[in-house]
Amino acid sequence: MDKIPPELIDRISSYLEHDDLKSTLLLSKSFHFSAERYSRAFYRFALHEGNANKFVNTFSGHRLSYLRELEFWIRLPRIEYRYPEGRDNADQLRENDRSLTQQITFLFDTIKTVEQRAGEQNNPGKILLKLYAPLRWVSNKYPTLAYHRQLSWRVYLLEAERLPTLGSIRALEIRRGVQAPFEARDADYRLATVKLDYRVMVDLAVKFPNLEYLGCRIGGDEWQPKWETKAARYLTRDWAGPRRDTRRDFAEALKSARLPNSLRRICLDFLHRLDEVTGVDHLNAQPNLVMPAPNDPFSISLHHLSHQLRRIHLRVVADKSLFWSETGGITSWPNLESLVVMFHMVSPSGKWYFQGPNGEGRNMVGFEVTDASYPPLEESEYDEEMQQNIDGHGHRKNDTISSQFRIVPNNDTLRPFLVGFASATAHMRLLKEAALWCSLAWEPEYGSDHDSDDDDHAENEWLSEITRDYGSLAWGIYYLASGERDFTHPERLPSEVPQLWWRVSKWRPDPELHELFQQIGRQLWGGSLKEHWIDDTYGEGLVNWHYFESFIQDEIEFMGQISELN
């Protein structure tokens, strides 16, 4: 048995079922290692302080090479409030930062111990670290206290430079959590999300010298649900000051960060979940997250982040600075193969990229972020007044009384963004696919004339009769290079010529803008671009957002996964 080549043993084990692999564990040392590998028994681990010793004992050896996914859940201190005192004060916020820092330090130290004990022969590992954004238990004793379950202040990582480097982390993804798999529920408490400062992912990424993928799935809790009452809107809002600051923190961190040269793929989803960020009231003014800067620092930072990458998938609030340098010139991305940008219908300045069918909301602008745009650190008289309104009338979240009408491009705002995208992608010599799209929603104000069946209404030109869910519409453009698998084809055959799908309903680009888009891929494929304006299913109506999610080559769910045999 010992004379069988290890390569053959691996090949045999790869075809065996799970129960059969158990039978081969004791045949030989080679079969033992191979059975462990292909059984996937050591593929995933959810680490917490209670099982740290088990983690160290299990993976401080050859099994480190089998570990592909490591989950870590952050729990901040449990909060007890005395009614009506419900605001987080400065001491509580500092305690949140200390708790986060302590848990991240524990995580890093534990992984470092495993790496050191595993030795060079088993290093470096190939781990996707799934870090779940903070949650905390909040008492249910006063269920109407809303703002401590919607904390606007971000939680910060302190002294990140003191963390050790970890060679085994090949992919990092930060996600919003709901309930840790190892944690029991408590009827007297409920879990509340706590927003993580964006720069935390940069501070962590620089500690992983072999990092190949960086991703996040956060941000949906920055957008306000459709509350009917003024009190509910006030008590549950995400205050604009911390939101602007976290974008600037991220941009500032990237200025000095030395990201690993191994980084090739990013999938930064700051709009997760999509239904939460799409289902906003289109009559609500949005904050100007750019002022006093001349351009959006967050978009600029993502622009610089992309230079060495091959695949970029973004879901962001961004403007043309995402595609242009500060000097206005075009930057070359010599290695980029895939650029997918899903942008919110609101720009960073608070202006909207879309308007109503008759120009509704066209001139709405963002409001200035000032010192008054931060939540108070102690209870105010106004807080008490709004809380009393909630106590008397309830939250009254209403999914029908709303205004969602922005389904038509506002060229004044959108055109510069489109120009930046087309100009940038035209200079990407290795580009295989590119997409720029936006999720939209149509739900006109309850009781208005929009509820009638009058076929003369302007919106009927933009909406498809086949669309059943007007809350998940999409507007956008998709490019595919020649030779790439065409996911719009029934048989998924490679595309014979470069193709450009315009899923923009009745809107059409002006000749100059159209020419810019026709330049995409021209340096490689000449002038043989094939364009599609009408969809077989939706006609000239807006498509469902799953249209774009389905045709992207690397689906967002699988961008960060590491092959078991990699």
Protein backbone atom coordinates (compact mmCIF):
# COMPACT_ATOMS: atom_id res chain seq x y z
CA MET A 1 0.00 0.00 0.00
CA ASP A 2 2.89 2.35 0.77
CA LYS A 3 4.22 1.90 -2.78
CA ILE A 4 1.21 3.62 -4.39
CA PRO A 5 2.24 7.09 -5.63
CA PRO A 6 0.69 9.94 -3.59
CA GLU A 7 -0.70 11.47 -6.78
CA LEU A 8 -2.66 8.29 -7.49
CA ILE A 9 -3.94 8.15 -3.90
CA ASP A 10 -5.16 11.71 -4.25
CA ARG A 11 -6.89 10.84 -7.51
CA ILE A 12 -8.59 7.81 -5.98
CA SER A 13 -9.72 9.74 -2.91
CA SER A 14 -11.20 12.52 -5.01
CA TYR A 15 -13.77 10.06 -6.41
CA LEU A 16 -14.77 8.44 -3.10
CA GLU A 17 -17.95 9.22 -1.20
CA HIS A 18 -17.77 10.52 2.37
CA ASP A 19 -18.43 7.12 4.02
CA ASP A 20 -15.86 5.43 1.78
CA LEU A 21 -13.25 7.99 2.77
CA LYS A 22 -13.78 6.98 6.41
CA SER A 23 -12.82 3.44 5.43
CA THR A 24 -9.53 4.57 3.90
CA LEU A 25 -8.34 6.58 6.89
CA LEU A 26 -6.29 3.70 8.35
CA LEU A 27 -5.00 2.11 5.15
CA SER A 28 -1.79 4.12 5.19
CA LYS A 29 -0.42 7.49 6.15
CA SER A 30 -0.89 8.79 2.61
CA PHE A 31 -4.48 7.56 2.48
CA HIS A 32 -5.10 9.11 5.89
CA PHE A 33 -3.99 12.56 4.74
CA SER A 34 -5.89 12.26 1.47
CA ALA A 35 -9.08 11.09 3.19
CA GLU A 36 -8.98 14.06 5.55
CA ARG A 37 -8.48 16.40 2.66
CA TYR A 38 -11.32 15.19 0.47
CA SER A 39 -13.78 14.58 3.30
CA ARG A 40 -13.99 18.37 3.80
CA ALA A 41 -14.14 17.69 7.54
CA PHE A 42 -11.60 20.45 8.04
CA TYR A 43 -12.82 22.77 5.31
CA ARG A 44 -14.62 25.27 7.60
CA PHE A 45 -14.32 26.43 11.19
CA ALA A 46 -16.27 29.04 13.21
CA LEU A 47 -13.79 30.40 15.76
CA HIS A 48 -14.71 31.96 19.10
CA GLU A 49 -13.07 32.21 22.49
CA GLY A 50 -14.80 29.05 23.72
CA ASN A 51 -13.24 26.79 21.07
CA ALA A 52 -9.85 28.46 20.57
CA ASN A 53 -7.93 25.53 22.07
CA LYS A 54 -9.72 23.10 19.76
CA PHE A 55 -8.88 25.31 16.77
CA VAL A 56 -5.19 25.48 17.72
CA ASN A 57 -4.94 21.74 18.39
CA THR A 58 -6.76 20.82 15.18
CA PHE A 59 -4.94 23.03 12.69
CA SER A 60 -1.42 23.35 14.13
CA GLY A 61 -0.08 20.90 11.59
CA HIS A 62 -0.86 19.50 8.16
CA ARG A 63 -4.60 20.20 8.55
CA LEU A 64 -3.94 23.91 8.15
CA SER A 65 -3.63 23.23 4.42
CA TYR A 66 -7.20 21.83 4.39
CA LEU A 67 -8.83 24.84 6.03
CA ARG A 68 -10.54 27.08 3.48
CA GLU A 69 -13.11 29.13 5.44
CA LEU A 70 -12.68 30.62 8.89
CA GLU A 71 -15.64 32.48 10.39
CA PHE A 72 -15.36 34.98 13.22
CA TRP A 73 -18.31 36.76 14.80
CA ILE A 74 -17.92 39.99 16.78
CA ARG A 75 -20.13 40.59 19.80
CA LEU A 76 -19.98 43.94 21.56
CA PRO A 77 -20.92 44.36 25.24
CA ARG A 78 -24.54 43.81 26.18
CA ILE A 79 -26.39 47.08 26.76
CA GLU A 80 -28.87 47.81 29.55
CA TYR A 81 -30.80 51.08 29.27
CA ARG A 82 -32.77 52.95 31.87
CA TYR A 83 -35.87 54.43 30.30
CA PRO A 84 -35.95 57.07 28.90
CA GLU A 85 -32.14 57.26 28.75
CA GLY A 86 -31.30 55.46 25.56
CA ARG A 87 -28.47 57.29 23.84
CA ASP A 88 -24.98 55.79 23.70
CA ASN A 89 -22.65 58.13 25.56
CA ALA A 90 -18.94 58.68 24.91
CA ASP A 91 -17.91 56.04 27.46
CA GLN A 92 -20.07 53.39 25.80
CA LEU A 93 -18.68 54.24 22.38
CA ARG A 94 -15.11 53.92 23.68
CA GLU A 95 -16.01 50.58 25.23
CA ASN A 96 -17.30 49.41 21.84
CA ASP A 97 -13.96 50.32 20.27
CA ARG A 98 -12.01 48.54 23.00
CA SER A 99 -14.17 45.43 22.70
CA LEU A 100 -13.75 45.27 18.93
CA THR A 101 -10.00 45.73 19.26
CA GLN A 102 -9.74 43.02 21.91
CA GLN A 103 -11.64 40.51 19.78
CA ILE A 104 -9.69 41.24 16.61
CA THR A 105 -6.45 40.93 18.60
CA PHE A 106 -7.61 37.55 19.90
CA LEU A 107 -8.40 36.42 16.37
CA PHE A 108 -5.01 37.46 15.00
CA ASP A 109 -3.05 36.02 17.92
CA THR A 110 -4.88 32.68 17.64
CA ILE A 111 -4.23 32.36 13.90
CA LYS A 112 -0.61 33.40 14.42
CA THR A 113 -0.18 30.64 17.00
CA VAL A 114 -1.51 28.07 14.52
CA GLU A 115 0.80 29.31 11.78
CA GLN A 116 3.85 29.14 14.01
CA ARG A 117 3.06 25.65 15.29
CA ALA A 118 2.20 24.32 11.84
CA GLY A 119 5.71 25.06 10.66
CA GLU A 120 7.03 26.05 7.26
CA GLN A 121 6.16 22.66 5.71
CA ASN A 122 2.44 23.37 6.21
CA ASN A 123 2.51 27.12 5.53
CA PRO A 124 1.19 29.37 4.30
CA GLY A 125 -2.41 28.30 4.56
CA LYS A 126 -5.11 29.28 2.08
CA ILE A 127 -7.95 30.69 4.15
CA LEU A 128 -10.96 32.85 3.38
CA LEU A 129 -11.55 34.82 6.57
CA LYS A 130 -15.23 35.74 6.96
CA LEU A 131 -15.44 38.49 9.53
CA TYR A 132 -18.98 39.34 10.63
CA ALA A 133 -19.63 42.99 11.48
CA PRO A 134 -20.45 43.71 15.14
CA LEU A 135 -23.72 42.83 16.79
CA ARG A 136 -24.75 43.45 20.37
CA TRP A 137 -27.50 42.23 22.66
CA VAL A 138 -29.97 44.95 23.62
CA SER A 139 -32.61 44.57 26.28
CA ASN A 140 -36.21 44.02 25.15
CA LYS A 141 -37.52 45.64 28.32
CA TYR A 142 -38.26 48.88 26.46
CA PRO A 143 -38.92 47.71 22.90
CA THR A 144 -39.89 51.16 21.67
CA LEU A 145 -36.39 52.56 22.25
CA ALA A 146 -35.35 52.60 18.62
CA TYR A 147 -32.08 54.46 18.38
CA HIS A 148 -29.94 52.05 20.40
CA ARG A 149 -30.86 49.40 17.85
CA GLN A 150 -29.87 51.72 14.98
CA LEU A 151 -26.54 53.03 16.24
CA SER A 152 -25.15 55.62 13.80
CA TRP A 153 -21.75 55.88 15.43
CA ARG A 154 -19.22 53.57 13.79
CA VAL A 155 -17.03 51.25 15.83
CA TYR A 156 -13.26 51.66 15.34
CA LEU A 157 -10.25 49.37 15.48
CA LEU A 158 -7.58 50.81 17.79
CA GLU A 159 -3.82 50.46 17.26
CA ALA A 160 -4.19 48.24 14.21
CA GLU A 161 -0.47 48.56 13.51
CA ARG A 162 0.25 46.30 16.50
CA LEU A 163 -1.50 43.30 14.94
CA PRO A 164 0.79 40.53 13.63
CA THR A 165 0.97 39.69 9.93
CA LEU A 166 -0.80 36.50 8.86
CA GLY A 167 0.42 34.66 5.79
CA SER A 168 -2.43 32.14 5.71
CA ILE A 169 -5.22 34.60 4.93
CA ARG A 170 -5.68 34.62 1.16
CA ALA A 171 -9.14 36.21 1.15
CA LEU A 172 -10.93 38.59 3.52
CA GLU A 173 -14.64 39.30 3.48
CA ILE A 174 -16.55 41.44 5.98
CA ARG A 175 -20.27 40.72 6.21
CA ARG A 176 -23.31 41.81 8.14
CA GLY A 177 -24.23 39.14 10.64
CA VAL A 178 -27.56 38.03 12.05
CA GLN A 179 -26.95 35.26 14.60
CA ALA A 180 -23.78 33.31 15.28
CA PRO A 181 -24.27 29.54 14.73
CA PHE A 182 -22.83 28.72 18.16
CA GLU A 183 -24.80 31.30 20.18
CA ALA A 184 -28.09 30.64 21.98
CA ARG A 185 -30.94 33.11 21.70
CA ASP A 186 -32.09 35.10 24.72
CA ALA A 187 -35.77 35.98 25.00
CA ASP A 188 -35.00 39.05 27.13
CA TYR A 189 -32.67 40.54 24.53
CA ARG A 190 -32.54 41.13 20.83
CA LEU A 191 -29.57 41.49 18.51
CA ALA A 192 -28.83 44.91 17.06
CA THR A 193 -26.34 45.74 14.34
CA VAL A 194 -23.42 48.06 14.98
CA LYS A 195 -21.80 49.65 11.96
CA LEU A 196 -18.11 49.00 11.37
CA ASP A 197 -15.87 51.86 10.30
CA TYR A 198 -14.96 51.32 6.65
CA ARG A 199 -11.24 51.78 7.21
CA VAL A 200 -11.14 48.61 9.34
CA MET A 201 -11.01 46.52 6.18
CA VAL A 202 -7.98 48.48 4.96
CA ASP A 203 -6.22 48.15 8.33
CA LEU A 204 -6.76 44.40 8.21
CA ALA A 205 -5.89 43.91 4.55
CA VAL A 206 -2.38 45.32 4.97
CA LYS A 207 -1.71 42.62 7.58
CA PHE A 208 -2.21 39.81 5.05
CA PRO A 209 0.86 39.74 2.75
CA ASN A 210 -0.60 36.93 0.60
CA LEU A 211 -4.07 38.43 0.24
CA GLU A 212 -5.63 37.74 -3.18
CA TYR A 213 -9.22 38.86 -2.56
CA LEU A 214 -10.84 41.64 -0.53
CA GLY A 215 -14.60 41.89 -0.15
CA CYS A 216 -17.42 43.22 1.98
CA ARG A 217 -21.20 42.96 2.13
CA ILE A 218 -22.39 45.80 4.34
CA GLY A 219 -24.18 49.15 4.19
CA GLY A 220 -27.87 48.34 3.85
CA ASP A 221 -28.54 49.63 7.36
CA GLU A 222 -27.40 53.11 6.30
CA TRP A 223 -30.65 53.62 4.39
CA GLN A 224 -33.87 54.48 6.16
CA PRO A 225 -36.94 52.27 5.85
CA LYS A 226 -40.21 53.79 4.73
CA TRP A 227 -41.58 54.95 8.09
CA GLU A 228 -44.86 56.81 8.06
CA THR A 229 -44.31 58.85 11.22
CA LYS A 230 -41.86 61.68 11.78
CA ALA A 231 -40.88 60.21 15.15
CA ALA A 232 -39.89 56.86 13.66
CA ARG A 233 -37.90 58.55 10.91
CA TYR A 234 -36.00 60.60 13.47
CA LEU A 235 -35.26 57.86 15.98
CA THR A 236 -34.09 55.25 13.46
CA ARG A 237 -32.18 57.37 10.96
CA ASP A 238 -28.52 56.91 10.15
CA TRP A 239 -27.05 60.32 10.92
CA ALA A 240 -25.13 61.86 8.03
CA GLY A 241 -22.05 62.93 9.98
CA PRO A 242 -20.71 59.45 10.91
CA ARG A 243 -21.68 58.20 7.46
CA ARG A 244 -19.60 60.86 5.73
CA ASP A 245 -16.71 60.34 8.15
CA THR A 246 -16.47 56.60 7.58
CA ARG A 247 -16.15 57.15 3.82
CA ARG A 248 -13.37 59.66 4.46
CA ASP A 249 -11.66 57.31 6.92
CA PHE A 250 -11.55 54.64 4.23
CA ALA A 251 -10.15 57.08 1.66
CA GLU A 252 -7.54 58.42 4.10
CA ALA A 253 -6.42 54.91 5.04
CA LEU A 254 -5.84 53.97 1.41
CA LYS A 255 -3.55 56.95 0.88
CA SER A 256 -0.81 55.44 3.04
CA ALA A 257 -1.77 51.75 2.97
CA ARG A 258 0.61 49.33 1.28
CA LEU A 259 -1.76 46.69 0.07
CA PRO A 260 -0.18 43.32 -0.80
CA ASN A 261 1.05 42.86 -4.36
CA SER A 262 -0.84 39.56 -4.46
CA LEU A 263 -4.25 41.32 -4.37
CA ARG A 264 -6.05 40.61 -7.65
CA ARG A 265 -9.79 40.66 -6.94
CA ILE A 266 -12.10 42.90 -4.95
CA CYS A 267 -15.85 42.74 -4.45
CA LEU A 268 -16.83 45.66 -2.24
CA ASP A 269 -20.58 45.72 -1.73
CA PHE A 270 -21.49 48.79 0.32
CA LEU A 271 -25.16 48.40 -0.66
CA HIS A 272 -26.04 45.11 0.99
CA ARG A 273 -28.84 44.18 1.10
CA LEU A 274 -30.01 45.58 -2.19
CA ASP A 275 -33.71 45.63 -1.32
CA GLU A 276 -32.93 47.82 1.70
CA VAL A 277 -31.04 50.46 -0.27
CA THR A 278 -33.47 50.48 -3.19
CA GLY A 279 -36.63 50.78 -1.12
CA VAL A 280 -36.08 54.39 -0.04
CA ASP A 281 -38.45 57.30 -0.46
CA HIS A 282 -37.42 59.29 -3.52
CA LEU A 283 -38.72 62.51 -2.03
CA ASN A 284 -36.28 62.41 0.89
CA ALA A 285 -33.28 64.69 0.55
CA GLN A 286 -29.94 62.90 0.89
CA PRO A 287 -26.72 64.21 2.49
CA ASN A 288 -23.90 65.82 0.51
CA LEU A 289 -21.07 63.45 1.43
CA VAL A 290 -18.52 65.31 -0.71
CA MET A 291 -18.38 68.86 0.72
CA PRO A 292 -16.12 70.60 1.47
CA ALA A 293 -13.88 68.50 -0.83
CA PRO A 294 -14.10 69.35 -4.57
CA ASN A 295 -14.48 65.66 -5.49
CA ASP A 296 -15.68 62.60 -3.65
CA PRO A 297 -12.70 61.24 -1.63
CA PHE A 298 -14.30 57.80 -1.38
CA SER A 299 -14.69 57.41 -5.16
CA ILE A 300 -11.14 58.66 -5.70
CA SER A 301 -9.76 56.11 -3.25
CA LEU A 302 -11.50 53.24 -5.04
CA HIS A 303 -10.05 54.55 -8.29
CA HIS A 304 -6.50 54.27 -6.93
CA LEU A 305 -7.21 50.89 -5.34
CA SER A 306 -7.91 49.35 -8.72
CA HIS A 307 -4.57 49.79 -10.49
CA GLN A 308 -3.09 46.32 -9.89
CA LEU A 309 -6.32 44.34 -9.95
CA ARG A 310 -7.81 41.94 -12.47
CA ARG A 311 -11.42 41.84 -11.26
CA ILE A 312 -13.32 44.70 -9.64
CA HIS A 313 -16.92 44.33 -8.53
CA LEU A 314 -18.37 47.32 -6.71
CA ARG A 315 -21.76 48.28 -5.29
CA VAL A 316 -21.34 51.84 -4.18
CA VAL A 317 -22.49 55.41 -3.88
CA ALA A 318 -19.98 56.91 -6.29
CA ASP A 319 -19.42 59.60 -8.90
CA LYS A 320 -17.17 60.09 -11.94
CA SER A 321 -14.10 60.30 -9.67
CA LEU A 322 -14.30 56.51 -9.56
CA PHE A 323 -13.04 56.43 -13.16
CA TRP A 324 -10.94 59.61 -13.42
CA SER A 325 -7.86 60.82 -11.57
CA GLU A 326 -7.96 64.07 -9.59
CA THR A 327 -6.29 65.87 -12.50
CA GLY A 328 -9.02 64.77 -14.89
CA GLY A 329 -6.81 62.45 -16.91
CA ILE A 330 -7.56 58.84 -17.81
CA THR A 331 -5.71 56.21 -15.80
CA SER A 332 -4.64 52.99 -17.43
CA TRP A 333 -5.59 49.68 -15.80
CA PRO A 334 -3.23 47.35 -17.66
CA ASN A 335 -4.35 44.15 -15.87
CA LEU A 336 -8.07 44.65 -15.45
CA GLU A 337 -10.24 41.91 -16.97
CA SER A 338 -13.60 42.56 -15.30
CA LEU A 339 -15.13 45.86 -14.14
CA VAL A 340 -18.63 45.63 -12.68
CA VAL A 341 -20.09 48.69 -10.98
CA MET A 342 -23.56 48.75 -9.50
CA PHE A 343 -24.20 52.34 -8.42
CA HIS A 344 -26.91 53.80 -6.23
CA MET A 345 -29.45 56.16 -7.78
CA VAL A 346 -28.17 58.87 -5.41
CA SER A 347 -24.75 60.42 -6.09
CA PRO A 348 -22.30 61.25 -3.25
CA SER A 349 -23.27 64.92 -3.53
CA GLY A 350 -26.89 64.08 -2.76
CA LYS A 351 -28.05 64.75 -6.32
CA TRP A 352 -30.05 61.98 -7.96
CA TYR A 353 -28.95 60.16 -11.09
CA PHE A 354 -32.58 59.48 -12.00
CA GLN A 355 -35.82 61.45 -12.07
CA GLY A 356 -39.50 60.76 -12.58
CA PRO A 357 -41.07 60.15 -16.03
CA ASN A 358 -42.22 63.77 -16.14
CA GLY A 359 -39.07 65.25 -14.61
CA GLU A 360 -40.18 64.87 -10.99
CA GLY A 361 -37.35 65.40 -8.52
CA ARG A 362 -34.93 66.53 -11.22
CA ASN A 363 -33.50 69.48 -9.29
CA MET A 364 -33.35 67.99 -5.80
CA VAL A 365 -29.94 68.56 -4.19
CA GLY A 366 -28.18 67.17 -1.15
CA PHE A 367 -28.21 68.84 2.24
CA GLU A 368 -25.03 70.03 3.92
CA VAL A 369 -23.43 67.88 6.62
CA THR A 370 -22.70 70.04 9.67
CA ASP A 371 -21.95 69.63 13.38
CA ALA A 372 -25.69 69.11 13.83
CA SER A 373 -25.48 65.99 11.61
CA TYR A 374 -24.19 63.80 14.46
CA PRO A 375 -26.35 61.96 16.99
CA PRO A 376 -26.34 63.41 20.50
CA LEU A 377 -24.39 61.61 23.21
CA GLU A 378 -27.16 62.03 25.76
CA GLU A 379 -30.94 62.15 25.78
CA SER A 380 -32.45 65.42 24.58
CA GLU A 381 -35.90 66.88 25.13
CA TYR A 382 -36.64 66.31 21.46
CA ASP A 383 -35.67 62.64 21.84
CA GLU A 384 -38.16 62.31 24.67
CA GLU A 385 -40.88 64.01 22.65
CA MET A 386 -40.34 61.71 19.67
CA GLN A 387 -40.19 58.68 21.95
CA GLN A 388 -43.52 59.62 23.52
CA ASN A 389 -45.03 59.82 20.04
CA ILE A 390 -43.78 56.30 19.34
CA ASP A 391 -45.14 55.05 22.67
CA GLY A 392 -48.55 56.49 21.81
CA HIS A 393 -48.83 55.65 18.14
CA GLY A 394 -46.22 52.99 17.33
CA HIS A 395 -43.60 52.95 14.61
CA ARG A 396 -46.12 52.48 11.78
CA LYS A 397 -43.78 51.20 9.13
CA ASN A 398 -45.78 51.37 5.91
CA ASP A 399 -44.80 49.73 2.64
CA THR A 400 -47.52 51.36 0.51
CA ILE A 401 -47.47 55.02 1.46
CA SER A 402 -44.28 56.05 -0.29
CA SER A 403 -42.92 57.76 -3.34
CA GLN A 404 -40.65 55.77 -5.63
CA PHE A 405 -40.72 57.24 -9.09
CA ARG A 406 -37.11 57.70 -10.27
CA ILE A 407 -36.85 55.47 -13.33
CA VAL A 408 -35.69 57.95 -16.00
CA PRO A 409 -32.04 59.10 -16.32
CA ASN A 410 -31.26 62.65 -15.26
CA ASN A 411 -28.70 63.49 -17.93
CA ASP A 412 -27.30 66.47 -16.06
CA THR A 413 -26.11 64.19 -13.27
CA LEU A 414 -25.75 60.81 -14.96
CA ARG A 415 -23.97 61.75 -18.19
CA PRO A 416 -20.60 62.70 -16.58
CA PHE A 417 -20.67 59.37 -14.74
CA LEU A 418 -21.30 57.48 -17.99
CA VAL A 419 -18.56 59.43 -19.78
CA GLY A 420 -16.07 58.46 -17.07
CA PHE A 421 -17.00 54.78 -17.27
CA ALA A 422 -16.86 54.59 -21.07
CA SER A 423 -13.60 56.53 -21.29
CA ALA A 424 -11.93 54.36 -18.65
CA THR A 425 -13.05 51.00 -20.03
CA ALA A 426 -11.96 51.98 -23.55
CA HIS A 427 -8.35 52.05 -22.26
CA MET A 428 -8.45 48.62 -20.60
CA ARG A 429 -6.56 46.39 -23.02
CA LEU A 430 -7.31 43.09 -21.27
CA LEU A 431 -10.98 43.79 -20.55
CA LYS A 432 -13.24 40.73 -20.86
CA GLU A 433 -16.43 42.16 -19.38
CA ALA A 434 -17.74 45.41 -18.01
CA ALA A 435 -21.05 46.44 -16.50
CA LEU A 436 -22.48 49.66 -15.14
CA TRP A 437 -25.95 49.37 -13.70
CA CYS A 438 -28.31 50.82 -11.11
CA SER A 439 -31.17 49.27 -9.15
CA LEU A 440 -34.44 51.23 -9.39
CA ALA A 441 -37.92 51.00 -7.94
CA TRP A 442 -41.35 52.11 -9.10
CA GLU A 443 -44.02 52.59 -6.47
CA PRO A 444 -45.78 55.94 -6.92
CA GLU A 445 -47.31 57.73 -4.00
CA TYR A 446 -50.38 55.99 -2.66
CA GLY A 447 -53.60 57.61 -3.82
CA SER A 448 -52.06 59.58 -6.69
CA ASP A 449 -53.08 59.45 -10.32
CA HIS A 450 -50.27 56.96 -10.94
CA ASP A 451 -52.50 54.19 -9.61
CA SER A 452 -54.84 54.39 -12.59
CA ASP A 453 -54.61 52.28 -15.74
CA ASP A 454 -54.28 55.19 -18.13
CA ASP A 455 -51.98 53.99 -20.93
CA ASP A 456 -51.01 57.57 -21.70
CA HIS A 457 -48.96 57.87 -18.52
CA ALA A 458 -45.28 58.55 -19.19
CA GLU A 459 -44.11 55.68 -16.99
CA ASN A 460 -45.69 53.13 -19.33
CA GLU A 461 -42.93 53.84 -21.83
CA TRP A 462 -40.31 52.71 -19.32
CA LEU A 463 -41.94 49.76 -17.58
CA SER A 464 -42.35 46.31 -19.09
CA GLU A 465 -45.73 44.62 -18.93
CA ILE A 466 -44.02 41.34 -18.00
CA THR A 467 -42.35 42.80 -14.92
CA ARG A 468 -44.22 41.74 -11.79
CA ASP A 469 -41.93 43.24 -9.16
CA TYR A 470 -41.48 46.96 -9.71
CA GLY A 471 -39.38 47.16 -6.56
CA SER A 472 -36.39 45.45 -8.21
CA LEU A 473 -35.90 47.17 -11.55
CA ALA A 474 -32.54 47.75 -13.20
CA TRP A 475 -31.07 50.20 -15.68
CA GLY A 476 -27.64 49.58 -17.12
CA ILE A 477 -25.12 48.56 -19.76
CA TYR A 478 -23.16 45.32 -20.14
CA TYR A 479 -20.10 44.67 -22.34
CA LEU A 480 -18.63 41.30 -23.27
CA ALA A 481 -15.42 40.76 -25.22
CA SER A 482 -15.06 38.37 -28.10
CA GLY A 483 -14.38 34.78 -27.08
CA GLU A 484 -15.95 35.10 -23.63
CA ARG A 485 -18.84 32.87 -22.62
CA ASP A 486 -22.11 34.63 -23.45
CA PHE A 487 -24.47 34.10 -20.51
CA THR A 488 -27.33 35.64 -22.48
CA HIS A 489 -27.07 32.77 -24.99
CA PRO A 490 -29.21 29.69 -24.19
CA GLU A 491 -26.20 27.41 -24.65
CA ARG A 492 -23.65 29.75 -23.01
CA LEU A 493 -21.51 29.73 -26.15
CA PRO A 494 -18.48 32.02 -26.53
CA SER A 495 -19.21 35.38 -28.10
CA GLU A 496 -17.99 35.62 -31.71
CA VAL A 497 -17.71 39.41 -31.62
CA PRO A 498 -17.63 42.01 -28.83
CA GLN A 499 -21.15 42.76 -27.65
CA LEU A 500 -22.80 45.63 -25.82
CA TRP A 501 -26.21 45.25 -24.20
CA TRP A 502 -28.11 48.48 -23.57
CA ARG A 503 -30.75 47.73 -20.95
CA VAL A 504 -31.81 51.37 -20.64
CA SER A 505 -35.50 51.25 -21.65
CA LYS A 506 -36.43 54.25 -23.82
CA TRP A 507 -33.34 56.29 -23.01
CA ARG A 508 -30.70 56.68 -25.71
CA PRO A 509 -27.22 58.19 -25.46
CA ASP A 510 -26.40 61.29 -27.45
CA PRO A 511 -24.08 60.68 -30.47
CA GLU A 512 -20.91 61.77 -28.63
CA LEU A 513 -21.59 59.55 -25.63
CA HIS A 514 -22.60 56.67 -27.89
CA GLU A 515 -19.28 56.95 -29.71
CA LEU A 516 -17.42 56.73 -26.40
CA PHE A 517 -19.13 53.45 -25.55
CA GLN A 518 -18.40 52.07 -29.00
CA GLN A 519 -14.70 52.57 -28.27
CA ILE A 520 -14.78 49.85 -25.59
CA GLY A 521 -12.70 46.95 -26.87
CA ARG A 522 -11.97 48.64 -30.20
CA GLN A 523 -8.20 48.58 -29.63
CA LEU A 524 -8.35 44.77 -29.58
CA TRP A 525 -11.30 43.87 -31.79
CA GLY A 526 -11.64 46.72 -34.26
CA GLY A 527 -15.06 48.09 -35.16
CA SER A 528 -17.09 44.86 -35.05
CA LEU A 529 -19.03 45.67 -31.88
CA LYS A 530 -22.56 44.23 -31.82
CA GLU A 531 -25.13 46.25 -29.86
CA HIS A 532 -28.44 45.07 -28.38
CA TRP A 533 -31.16 47.58 -27.56
CA ILE A 534 -34.27 45.44 -27.08
CA ASP A 535 -34.49 42.47 -24.73
CA ASP A 536 -36.28 39.30 -25.79
CA THR A 537 -38.20 39.18 -22.50
CA TYR A 538 -38.58 42.78 -21.35
CA GLY A 539 -38.70 44.48 -24.72
CA GLU A 540 -37.82 48.16 -24.25
CA GLY A 541 -38.93 48.15 -20.63
CA LEU A 542 -36.66 48.18 -17.61
CA VAL A 543 -35.30 44.74 -16.73
CA ASN A 544 -35.19 43.08 -13.33
CA TRP A 545 -31.94 43.57 -11.41
CA HIS A 546 -31.34 39.79 -11.54
CA TYR A 547 -30.67 40.33 -15.25
CA PHE A 548 -27.29 41.83 -14.41
CA GLU A 549 -26.61 39.56 -11.44
CA SER A 550 -27.10 36.48 -13.62
CA PHE A 551 -24.82 37.46 -16.49
CA ILE A 552 -21.75 38.57 -14.57
CA GLN A 553 -19.01 35.96 -15.02
CA ASP A 554 -18.07 35.75 -11.32
CA GLU A 555 -21.25 35.93 -9.27
CA ILE A 556 -20.97 38.04 -6.13
CA GLU A 557 -21.59 35.00 -3.92
CA PHE A 558 -18.50 33.20 -5.21
CA MET A 559 -15.94 35.95 -5.73
CA GLY A 560 -13.97 35.24 -2.57
CA GLN A 561 -14.08 31.47 -2.49
CA ILE A 562 -10.84 29.53 -2.62
CA SER A 563 -10.75 26.20 -4.38
CA GLU A 564 -10.22 23.25 -2.05
CA LEU A 565 -7.51 21.98 -4.36
CA ASN A 566 -5.92 25.37 -5.04
